[in-house]
Amino acid sequence: MSSDPDPTYTLEIVAKLTGVDSETILHYQEHGLVQPVEPDHFDDNAIHALRRIEHLRQTCEVNLSGVKLIFELMNEIDQLRAQLRSGLPR
């Protein structure tokens, strides 16, 4: 039984799915907030990140620098949780 690879989406499809225009997605990419899996192709993680960015910007009125800081802190928390689960020393 073979497993299908994770789906990827073109920039245009991601823009439609998230309501974020292509130019803004590329701007977020330049700032390291979303990562394509290959040029102009994104995965579900990128879609999730874009929705989170837009929520922080629109609902919480966080600027791009704040979004970047929040993402860095969330990544650090995820890494610490993974270390705790695996029992690795800090």
PDB file of N, CA and C in Angstrom:
ATOM      1  N   MET A   1       0.840  -1.171   0.000  1.00  0.00           N
ATOM      2  CA  MET A   1       0.000   0.000   0.000  1.00  0.00           C
ATOM      3  C   MET A   1       0.890   1.240   0.000  1.00  0.00           C
ATOM      4  N   SER A   2       0.797   2.063  -1.029  1.00  0.00           N
ATOM      5  CA  SER A   2       1.623   3.262  -1.109  1.00  0.00           C
ATOM      6  C   SER A   2       0.858   4.452  -0.558  1.00  0.00           C
ATOM      7  N   SER A   3       1.613   5.331   0.061  1.00  0.00           N
ATOM      8  CA  SER A   3       0.973   6.531   0.595  1.00  0.00           C
ATOM      9  C   SER A   3       1.152   7.671  -0.400  1.00  0.00           C
ATOM     10  N   ASP A   4       0.113   8.450  -0.552  1.00  0.00           N
ATOM     11  CA  ASP A   4       0.183   9.593  -1.455  1.00  0.00           C
ATOM     12  C   ASP A   4       1.017  10.686  -0.808  1.00  0.00           C
ATOM     13  N   PRO A   5       1.789  11.405  -1.613  1.00  0.00           N
ATOM     14  CA  PRO A   5       2.538  12.522  -1.042  1.00  0.00           C
ATOM     15  C   PRO A   5       1.567  13.620  -0.594  1.00  0.00           C
ATOM     16  N   ASP A   6       2.052  14.434   0.316  1.00  0.00           N
ATOM     17  CA  ASP A   6       1.219  15.539   0.778  1.00  0.00           C
ATOM     18  C   ASP A   6       0.883  16.442  -0.398  1.00  0.00           C
ATOM     19  N   PRO A   7      -0.341  16.946  -0.444  1.00  0.00           N
ATOM     20  CA  PRO A   7      -0.728  17.799  -1.573  1.00  0.00           C
ATOM     21  C   PRO A   7       0.003  19.133  -1.545  1.00  0.00           C
ATOM     22  N   THR A   8       0.252  19.653  -2.715  1.00  0.00           N
ATOM     23  CA  THR A   8       0.800  21.005  -2.832  1.00  0.00           C
ATOM     24  C   THR A   8      -0.138  21.821  -3.715  1.00  0.00           C
ATOM     25  N   TYR A   9      -0.065  23.104  -3.553  1.00  0.00           N
ATOM     26  CA  TYR A   9      -0.970  24.009  -4.246  1.00  0.00           C
ATOM     27  C   TYR A   9      -0.169  25.134  -4.888  1.00  0.00           C
ATOM     28  N   THR A  10      -0.618  25.560  -6.057  1.00  0.00           N
ATOM     29  CA  THR A  10       0.037  26.688  -6.718  1.00  0.00           C
ATOM     30  C   THR A  10      -0.247  27.965  -5.940  1.00  0.00           C
ATOM     31  N   LEU A  11       0.527  28.965  -6.218  1.00  0.00           N
ATOM     32  CA  LEU A  11       0.353  30.261  -5.569  1.00  0.00           C
ATOM     33  C   LEU A  11      -1.064  30.786  -5.778  1.00  0.00           C
ATOM     34  N   GLU A  12      -1.583  30.634  -6.979  1.00  0.00           N
ATOM     35  CA  GLU A  12      -2.924  31.131  -7.287  1.00  0.00           C
ATOM     36  C   GLU A  12      -3.998  30.401  -6.475  1.00  0.00           C
ATOM     37  N   ILE A  13      -3.858  29.094  -6.334  1.00  0.00           N
ATOM     38  CA  ILE A  13      -4.819  28.303  -5.559  1.00  0.00           C
ATOM     39  C   ILE A  13      -4.738  28.689  -4.080  1.00  0.00           C
ATOM     40  N   VAL A  14      -3.526  28.853  -3.567  1.00  0.00           N
ATOM     41  CA  VAL A  14      -3.354  29.248  -2.163  1.00  0.00           C
ATOM     42  C   VAL A  14      -4.005  30.611  -1.925  1.00  0.00           C
ATOM     43  N   ALA A  15      -3.840  31.514  -2.872  1.00  0.00           N
ATOM     44  CA  ALA A  15      -4.460  32.837  -2.738  1.00  0.00           C
ATOM     45  C   ALA A  15      -5.981  32.703  -2.654  1.00  0.00           C
ATOM     46  N   LYS A  16      -6.550  31.854  -3.479  1.00  0.00           N
ATOM     47  CA  LYS A  16      -8.010  31.653  -3.448  1.00  0.00           C
ATOM     48  C   LYS A  16      -8.450  30.983  -2.156  1.00  0.00           C
ATOM     49  N   LEU A  17      -7.700  29.983  -1.693  1.00  0.00           N
ATOM     50  CA  LEU A  17      -8.067  29.250  -0.484  1.00  0.00           C
ATOM     51  C   LEU A  17      -7.986  30.111   0.779  1.00  0.00           C
ATOM     52  N   THR A  18      -7.042  31.043   0.797  1.00  0.00           N
ATOM     53  CA  THR A  18      -6.809  31.833   2.009  1.00  0.00           C
ATOM     54  C   THR A  18      -7.391  33.235   1.953  1.00  0.00           C
ATOM     55  N   GLY A  19      -7.705  33.700   0.752  1.00  0.00           N
ATOM     56  CA  GLY A  19      -8.177  35.077   0.623  1.00  0.00           C
ATOM     57  C   GLY A  19      -7.053  36.095   0.707  1.00  0.00           C
ATOM     58  N   VAL A  20      -5.819  35.627   0.608  1.00  0.00           N
ATOM     59  CA  VAL A  20      -4.641  36.502   0.648  1.00  0.00           C
ATOM     60  C   VAL A  20      -4.112  36.610  -0.777  1.00  0.00           C
ATOM     61  N   ASP A  21      -3.920  37.826  -1.272  1.00  0.00           N
ATOM     62  CA  ASP A  21      -3.488  37.952  -2.662  1.00  0.00           C
ATOM     63  C   ASP A  21      -2.057  37.453  -2.854  1.00  0.00           C
ATOM     64  N   SER A  22      -1.747  37.065  -4.067  1.00  0.00           N
ATOM     65  CA  SER A  22      -0.461  36.443  -4.400  1.00  0.00           C
ATOM     66  C   SER A  22       0.722  37.315  -4.010  1.00  0.00           C
ATOM     67  N   GLU A  23       0.609  38.605  -4.259  1.00  0.00           N
ATOM     68  CA  GLU A  23       1.701  39.520  -3.938  1.00  0.00           C
ATOM     69  C   GLU A  23       1.981  39.530  -2.434  1.00  0.00           C
ATOM     70  N   THR A  24       0.937  39.505  -1.632  1.00  0.00           N
ATOM     71  CA  THR A  24       1.103  39.486  -0.182  1.00  0.00           C
ATOM     72  C   THR A  24       1.721  38.170   0.278  1.00  0.00           C
ATOM     73  N   ILE A  25       1.316  37.063  -0.325  1.00  0.00           N
ATOM     74  CA  ILE A  25       1.908  35.764   0.018  1.00  0.00           C
ATOM     75  C   ILE A  25       3.406  35.793  -0.263  1.00  0.00           C
ATOM     76  N   LEU A  26       3.789  36.326  -1.412  1.00  0.00           N
ATOM     77  CA  LEU A  26       5.217  36.421  -1.752  1.00  0.00           C
ATOM     78  C   LEU A  26       5.952  37.346  -0.782  1.00  0.00           C
ATOM     79  N   HIS A  27       5.279  38.404  -0.331  1.00  0.00           N
ATOM     80  CA  HIS A  27       5.861  39.314   0.666  1.00  0.00           C
ATOM     81  C   HIS A  27       6.108  38.561   1.976  1.00  0.00           C
ATOM     82  N   TYR A  28       5.130  37.775   2.408  1.00  0.00           N
ATOM     83  CA  TYR A  28       5.292  36.969   3.622  1.00  0.00           C
ATOM     84  C   TYR A  28       6.414  35.951   3.452  1.00  0.00           C
ATOM     85  N   GLN A  29       6.528  35.408   2.250  1.00  0.00           N
ATOM     86  CA  GLN A  29       7.596  34.452   1.964  1.00  0.00           C
ATOM     87  C   GLN A  29       8.959  35.124   2.097  1.00  0.00           C
ATOM     88  N   GLU A  30       9.089  36.339   1.578  1.00  0.00           N
ATOM     89  CA  GLU A  30      10.345  37.091   1.678  1.00  0.00           C
ATOM     90  C   GLU A  30      10.741  37.316   3.128  1.00  0.00           C
ATOM     91  N   HIS A  31       9.753  37.445   4.013  1.00  0.00           N
ATOM     92  CA  HIS A  31      10.011  37.667   5.435  1.00  0.00           C
ATOM     93  C   HIS A  31      10.145  36.362   6.218  1.00  0.00           C
ATOM     94  N   GLY A  32      10.090  35.226   5.514  1.00  0.00           N
ATOM     95  CA  GLY A  32      10.289  33.938   6.149  1.00  0.00           C
ATOM     96  C   GLY A  32       9.103  33.411   6.931  1.00  0.00           C
ATOM     97  N   LEU A  33       7.920  33.972   6.691  1.00  0.00           N
ATOM     98  CA  LEU A  33       6.740  33.548   7.435  1.00  0.00           C
ATOM     99  C   LEU A  33       6.049  32.347   6.817  1.00  0.00           C
ATOM    100  N   VAL A  34       6.199  32.151   5.522  1.00  0.00           N
ATOM    101  CA  VAL A  34       5.691  30.960   4.834  1.00  0.00           C
ATOM    102  C   VAL A  34       6.800  30.443   3.928  1.00  0.00           C
ATOM    103  N   GLN A  35       6.837  29.132   3.793  1.00  0.00           N
ATOM    104  CA  GLN A  35       7.878  28.498   2.993  1.00  0.00           C
ATOM    105  C   GLN A  35       7.235  27.670   1.890  1.00  0.00           C
ATOM    106  N   PRO A  36       7.613  27.897   0.644  1.00  0.00           N
ATOM    107  CA  PRO A  36       7.113  27.016  -0.420  1.00  0.00           C
ATOM    108  C   PRO A  36       7.834  25.676  -0.339  1.00  0.00           C
ATOM    109  N   VAL A  37       7.165  24.626  -0.784  1.00  0.00           N
ATOM    110  CA  VAL A  37       7.829  23.314  -0.839  1.00  0.00           C
ATOM    111  C   VAL A  37       8.644  23.188  -2.121  1.00  0.00           C
ATOM    112  N   GLU A  38       8.280  23.972  -3.101  1.00  0.00           N
ATOM    113  CA  GLU A  38       9.038  24.152  -4.336  1.00  0.00           C
ATOM    114  C   GLU A  38       8.601  25.510  -4.874  1.00  0.00           C
ATOM    115  N   PRO A  39       9.308  26.071  -5.842  1.00  0.00           N
ATOM    116  CA  PRO A  39       8.943  27.424  -6.288  1.00  0.00           C
ATOM    117  C   PRO A  39       7.454  27.565  -6.625  1.00  0.00           C
ATOM    118  N   ASP A  40       6.832  28.523  -5.982  1.00  0.00           N
ATOM    119  CA  ASP A  40       5.406  28.859  -6.183  1.00  0.00           C
ATOM    120  C   ASP A  40       4.449  27.701  -5.911  1.00  0.00           C
ATOM    121  N   HIS A  41       4.857  26.742  -5.093  1.00  0.00           N
ATOM    122  CA  HIS A  41       3.981  25.644  -4.658  1.00  0.00           C
ATOM    123  C   HIS A  41       4.065  25.530  -3.138  1.00  0.00           C
ATOM    124  N   PHE A  42       2.905  25.498  -2.515  1.00  0.00           N
ATOM    125  CA  PHE A  42       2.828  25.514  -1.061  1.00  0.00           C
ATOM    126  C   PHE A  42       2.037  24.304  -0.567  1.00  0.00           C
ATOM    127  N   ASP A  43       2.259  23.948   0.695  1.00  0.00           N
ATOM    128  CA  ASP A  43       1.556  22.804   1.276  1.00  0.00           C
ATOM    129  C   ASP A  43       0.533  23.282   2.312  1.00  0.00           C
ATOM    130  N   ASP A  44      -0.067  22.315   2.999  1.00  0.00           N
ATOM    131  CA  ASP A  44      -1.079  22.638   4.006  1.00  0.00           C
ATOM    132  C   ASP A  44      -0.508  23.468   5.151  1.00  0.00           C
ATOM    133  N   ASN A  45       0.769  23.262   5.488  1.00  0.00           N
ATOM    134  CA  ASN A  45       1.393  24.062   6.542  1.00  0.00           C
ATOM    135  C   ASN A  45       1.416  25.540   6.170  1.00  0.00           C
ATOM    136  N   ALA A  46       1.704  25.827   4.915  1.00  0.00           N
ATOM    137  CA  ALA A  46       1.731  27.218   4.462  1.00  0.00           C
ATOM    138  C   ALA A  46       0.340  27.831   4.512  1.00  0.00           C
ATOM    139  N   ILE A  47      -0.654  27.054   4.133  1.00  0.00           N
ATOM    140  CA  ILE A  47      -2.035  27.559   4.184  1.00  0.00           C
ATOM    141  C   ILE A  47      -2.420  27.865   5.631  1.00  0.00           C
ATOM    142  N   HIS A  48      -2.073  26.973   6.531  1.00  0.00           N
ATOM    143  CA  HIS A  48      -2.350  27.193   7.955  1.00  0.00           C
ATOM    144  C   HIS A  48      -1.638  28.450   8.453  1.00  0.00           C
ATOM    145  N   ALA A  49      -0.366  28.601   8.071  1.00  0.00           N
ATOM    146  CA  ALA A  49       0.408  29.771   8.485  1.00  0.00           C
ATOM    147  C   ALA A  49      -0.203  31.061   7.934  1.00  0.00           C
ATOM    148  N   LEU A  50      -0.619  31.052   6.684  1.00  0.00           N
ATOM    149  CA  LEU A  50      -1.225  32.246   6.097  1.00  0.00           C
ATOM    150  C   LEU A  50      -2.517  32.626   6.815  1.00  0.00           C
ATOM    151  N   ARG A  51      -3.313  31.652   7.145  1.00  0.00           N
ATOM    152  CA  ARG A  51      -4.550  31.942   7.882  1.00  0.00           C
ATOM    153  C   ARG A  51      -4.240  32.503   9.264  1.00  0.00           C
ATOM    154  N   ARG A  52      -3.217  31.966   9.904  1.00  0.00           N
ATOM    155  CA  ARG A  52      -2.811  32.465  11.225  1.00  0.00           C
ATOM    156  C   ARG A  52      -2.276  33.890  11.118  1.00  0.00           C
ATOM    157  N   ILE A  53      -1.463  34.157  10.104  1.00  0.00           N
ATOM    158  CA  ILE A  53      -0.925  35.508   9.893  1.00  0.00           C
ATOM    159  C   ILE A  53      -2.063  36.500   9.714  1.00  0.00           C
ATOM    160  N   GLU A  54      -3.003  36.165   8.853  1.00  0.00           N
ATOM    161  CA  GLU A  54      -4.115  37.075   8.584  1.00  0.00           C
ATOM    162  C   GLU A  54      -4.969  37.287   9.831  1.00  0.00           C
ATOM    163  N   HIS A  55      -5.162  36.260  10.630  1.00  0.00           N
ATOM    164  CA  HIS A  55      -5.905  36.417  11.887  1.00  0.00           C
ATOM    165  C   HIS A  55      -5.167  37.384  12.809  1.00  0.00           C
ATOM    166  N   LEU A  56      -3.867  37.186  12.968  1.00  0.00           N
ATOM    167  CA  LEU A  56      -3.092  38.062  13.845  1.00  0.00           C
ATOM    168  C   LEU A  56      -3.096  39.501  13.341  1.00  0.00           C
ATOM    169  N   ARG A  57      -2.989  39.675  12.042  1.00  0.00           N
ATOM    170  CA  ARG A  57      -2.936  41.026  11.477  1.00  0.00           C
ATOM    171  C   ARG A  57      -4.291  41.722  11.518  1.00  0.00           C
ATOM    172  N   GLN A  58      -5.358  41.017  11.159  1.00  0.00           N
ATOM    173  CA  GLN A  58      -6.662  41.662  11.052  1.00  0.00           C
ATOM    174  C   GLN A  58      -7.400  41.716  12.383  1.00  0.00           C
ATOM    175  N   THR A  59      -7.467  40.604  13.072  1.00  0.00           N
ATOM    176  CA  THR A  59      -8.244  40.537  14.303  1.00  0.00           C
ATOM    177  C   THR A  59      -7.483  41.114  15.491  1.00  0.00           C
ATOM    178  N   CYS A  60      -6.217  40.778  15.589  1.00  0.00           N
ATOM    179  CA  CYS A  60      -5.415  41.206  16.736  1.00  0.00           C
ATOM    180  C   CYS A  60      -4.611  42.472  16.459  1.00  0.00           C
ATOM    181  N   GLU A  61      -4.623  42.929  15.212  1.00  0.00           N
ATOM    182  CA  GLU A  61      -3.917  44.138  14.787  1.00  0.00           C
ATOM    183  C   GLU A  61      -2.417  44.090  15.077  1.00  0.00           C
ATOM    184  N   VAL A  62      -1.821  42.913  14.844  1.00  0.00           N
ATOM    185  CA  VAL A  62      -0.390  42.722  15.034  1.00  0.00           C
ATOM    186  C   VAL A  62       0.314  43.073  13.729  1.00  0.00           C
ATOM    187  N   ASN A  63       1.401  43.852  13.822  1.00  0.00           N
ATOM    188  CA  ASN A  63       2.140  44.189  12.608  1.00  0.00           C
ATOM    189  C   ASN A  63       3.044  43.021  12.195  1.00  0.00           C
ATOM    190  N   LEU A  64       3.685  43.146  11.052  1.00  0.00           N
ATOM    191  CA  LEU A  64       4.475  42.049  10.501  1.00  0.00           C
ATOM    192  C   LEU A  64       5.622  41.648  11.422  1.00  0.00           C
ATOM    193  N   SER A  65       6.263  42.613  12.059  1.00  0.00           N
ATOM    194  CA  SER A  65       7.338  42.293  13.011  1.00  0.00           C
ATOM    195  C   SER A  65       6.800  41.492  14.183  1.00  0.00           C
ATOM    196  N   GLY A  66       5.628  41.858  14.659  1.00  0.00           N
ATOM    197  CA  GLY A  66       4.995  41.130  15.756  1.00  0.00           C
ATOM    198  C   GLY A  66       4.628  39.721  15.349  1.00  0.00           C
ATOM    199  N   VAL A  67       4.115  39.559  14.123  1.00  0.00           N
ATOM    200  CA  VAL A  67       3.768  38.229  13.618  1.00  0.00           C
ATOM    201  C   VAL A  67       5.019  37.359  13.581  1.00  0.00           C
ATOM    202  N   LYS A  68       6.104  37.923  13.094  1.00  0.00           N
ATOM    203  CA  LYS A  68       7.354  37.172  13.009  1.00  0.00           C
ATOM    204  C   LYS A  68       7.821  36.731  14.398  1.00  0.00           C
ATOM    205  N   LEU A  69       7.742  37.624  15.372  1.00  0.00           N
ATOM    206  CA  LEU A  69       8.133  37.301  16.742  1.00  0.00           C
ATOM    207  C   LEU A  69       7.232  36.207  17.320  1.00  0.00           C
ATOM    208  N   ILE A  70       5.936  36.327  17.106  1.00  0.00           N
ATOM    209  CA  ILE A  70       4.988  35.315  17.590  1.00  0.00           C
ATOM    210  C   ILE A  70       5.302  33.962  16.972  1.00  0.00           C
ATOM    211  N   PHE A  71       5.570  33.920  15.663  1.00  0.00           N
ATOM    212  CA  PHE A  71       5.901  32.658  14.999  1.00  0.00           C
ATOM    213  C   PHE A  71       7.185  32.056  15.572  1.00  0.00           C
ATOM    214  N   GLU A  72       8.201  32.893  15.811  1.00  0.00           N
ATOM    215  CA  GLU A  72       9.457  32.403  16.383  1.00  0.00           C
ATOM    216  C   GLU A  72       9.224  31.811  17.769  1.00  0.00           C
ATOM    217  N   LEU A  73       8.425  32.488  18.587  1.00  0.00           N
ATOM    218  CA  LEU A  73       8.125  31.986  19.931  1.00  0.00           C
ATOM    219  C   LEU A  73       7.323  30.692  19.873  1.00  0.00           C
ATOM    220  N   MET A  74       6.372  30.613  18.949  1.00  0.00           N
ATOM    221  CA  MET A  74       5.581  29.390  18.808  1.00  0.00           C
ATOM    222  C   MET A  74       6.462  28.217  18.366  1.00  0.00           C
ATOM    223  N   ASN A  75       7.404  28.465  17.464  1.00  0.00           N
ATOM    224  CA  ASN A  75       8.333  27.418  17.029  1.00  0.00           C
ATOM    225  C   ASN A  75       9.214  26.955  18.183  1.00  0.00           C
ATOM    226  N   GLU A  76       9.668  27.909  18.995  1.00  0.00           N
ATOM    227  CA  GLU A  76      10.491  27.558  20.148  1.00  0.00           C
ATOM    228  C   GLU A  76       9.698  26.714  21.148  1.00  0.00           C
ATOM    229  N   ILE A  77       8.456  27.067  21.382  1.00  0.00           N
ATOM    230  CA  ILE A  77       7.592  26.283  22.278  1.00  0.00           C
ATOM    231  C   ILE A  77       7.415  24.867  21.728  1.00  0.00           C
ATOM    232  N   ASP A  78       7.183  24.754  20.415  1.00  0.00           N
ATOM    233  CA  ASP A  78       7.028  23.432  19.796  1.00  0.00           C
ATOM    234  C   ASP A  78       8.292  22.590  19.980  1.00  0.00           C
ATOM    235  N   GLN A  79       9.460  23.216  19.817  1.00  0.00           N
ATOM    236  CA  GLN A  79      10.716  22.494  19.987  1.00  0.00           C
ATOM    237  C   GLN A  79      10.901  22.039  21.433  1.00  0.00           C
ATOM    238  N   LEU A  80      10.565  22.907  22.386  1.00  0.00           N
ATOM    239  CA  LEU A  80      10.681  22.545  23.797  1.00  0.00           C
ATOM    240  C   LEU A  80       9.730  21.411  24.159  1.00  0.00           C
ATOM    241  N   ARG A  81       8.532  21.456  23.625  1.00  0.00           N
ATOM    242  CA  ARG A  81       7.570  20.368  23.861  1.00  0.00           C
ATOM    243  C   ARG A  81       8.088  19.050  23.301  1.00  0.00           C
ATOM    244  N   ALA A  82       8.664  19.102  22.105  1.00  0.00           N
ATOM    245  CA  ALA A  82       9.207  17.895  21.496  1.00  0.00           C
ATOM    246  C   ALA A  82      10.351  17.331  22.348  1.00  0.00           C
ATOM    247  N   GLN A  83      11.193  18.204  22.888  1.00  0.00           N
ATOM    248  CA  GLN A  83      12.276  17.761  23.760  1.00  0.00           C
ATOM    249  C   GLN A  83      11.723  17.110  25.018  1.00  0.00           C
ATOM    250  N   LEU A  84      10.709  17.705  25.596  1.00  0.00           N
ATOM    251  CA  LEU A  84      10.103  17.133  26.799  1.00  0.00           C
ATOM    252  C   LEU A  84       9.506  15.757  26.519  1.00  0.00           C
ATOM    253  N   ARG A  85       8.820  15.627  25.370  1.00  0.00           N
ATOM    254  CA  ARG A  85       8.220  14.341  25.004  1.00  0.00           C
ATOM    255  C   ARG A  85       9.264  13.262  24.784  1.00  0.00           C
ATOM    256  N   SER A  86      10.370  13.646  24.199  1.00  0.00           N
ATOM    257  CA  SER A  86      11.403  12.652  23.889  1.00  0.00           C
ATOM    258  C   SER A  86      12.329  12.385  25.075  1.00  0.00           C
ATOM    259  N   GLY A  87      12.219  13.196  26.109  1.00  0.00           N
ATOM    260  CA  GLY A  87      13.044  12.995  27.294  1.00  0.00           C
ATOM    261  C   GLY A  87      14.462  13.472  27.149  1.00  0.00           C
ATOM    262  N   LEU A  88      14.738  14.285  26.119  1.00  0.00           N
ATOM    263  CA  LEU A  88      16.089  14.800  25.915  1.00  0.00           C
ATOM    264  C   LEU A  88      16.377  15.901  26.925  1.00  0.00           C
ATOM    265  N   PRO A  89      17.620  15.953  27.393  1.00  0.00           N
ATOM    266  CA  PRO A  89      17.973  17.057  28.297  1.00  0.00           C
ATOM    267  C   PRO A  89      17.994  18.372  27.538  1.00  0.00           C
ATOM    268  N   ARG A  90      17.738  19.427  28.248  1.00  0.00           N
ATOM    269  CA  ARG A  90      17.708  20.763  27.610  1.00  0.00           C
ATOM    270  C   ARG A  90      19.053  21.286  27.369  1.00  0.00           C
TER     271      ARG A  90
END
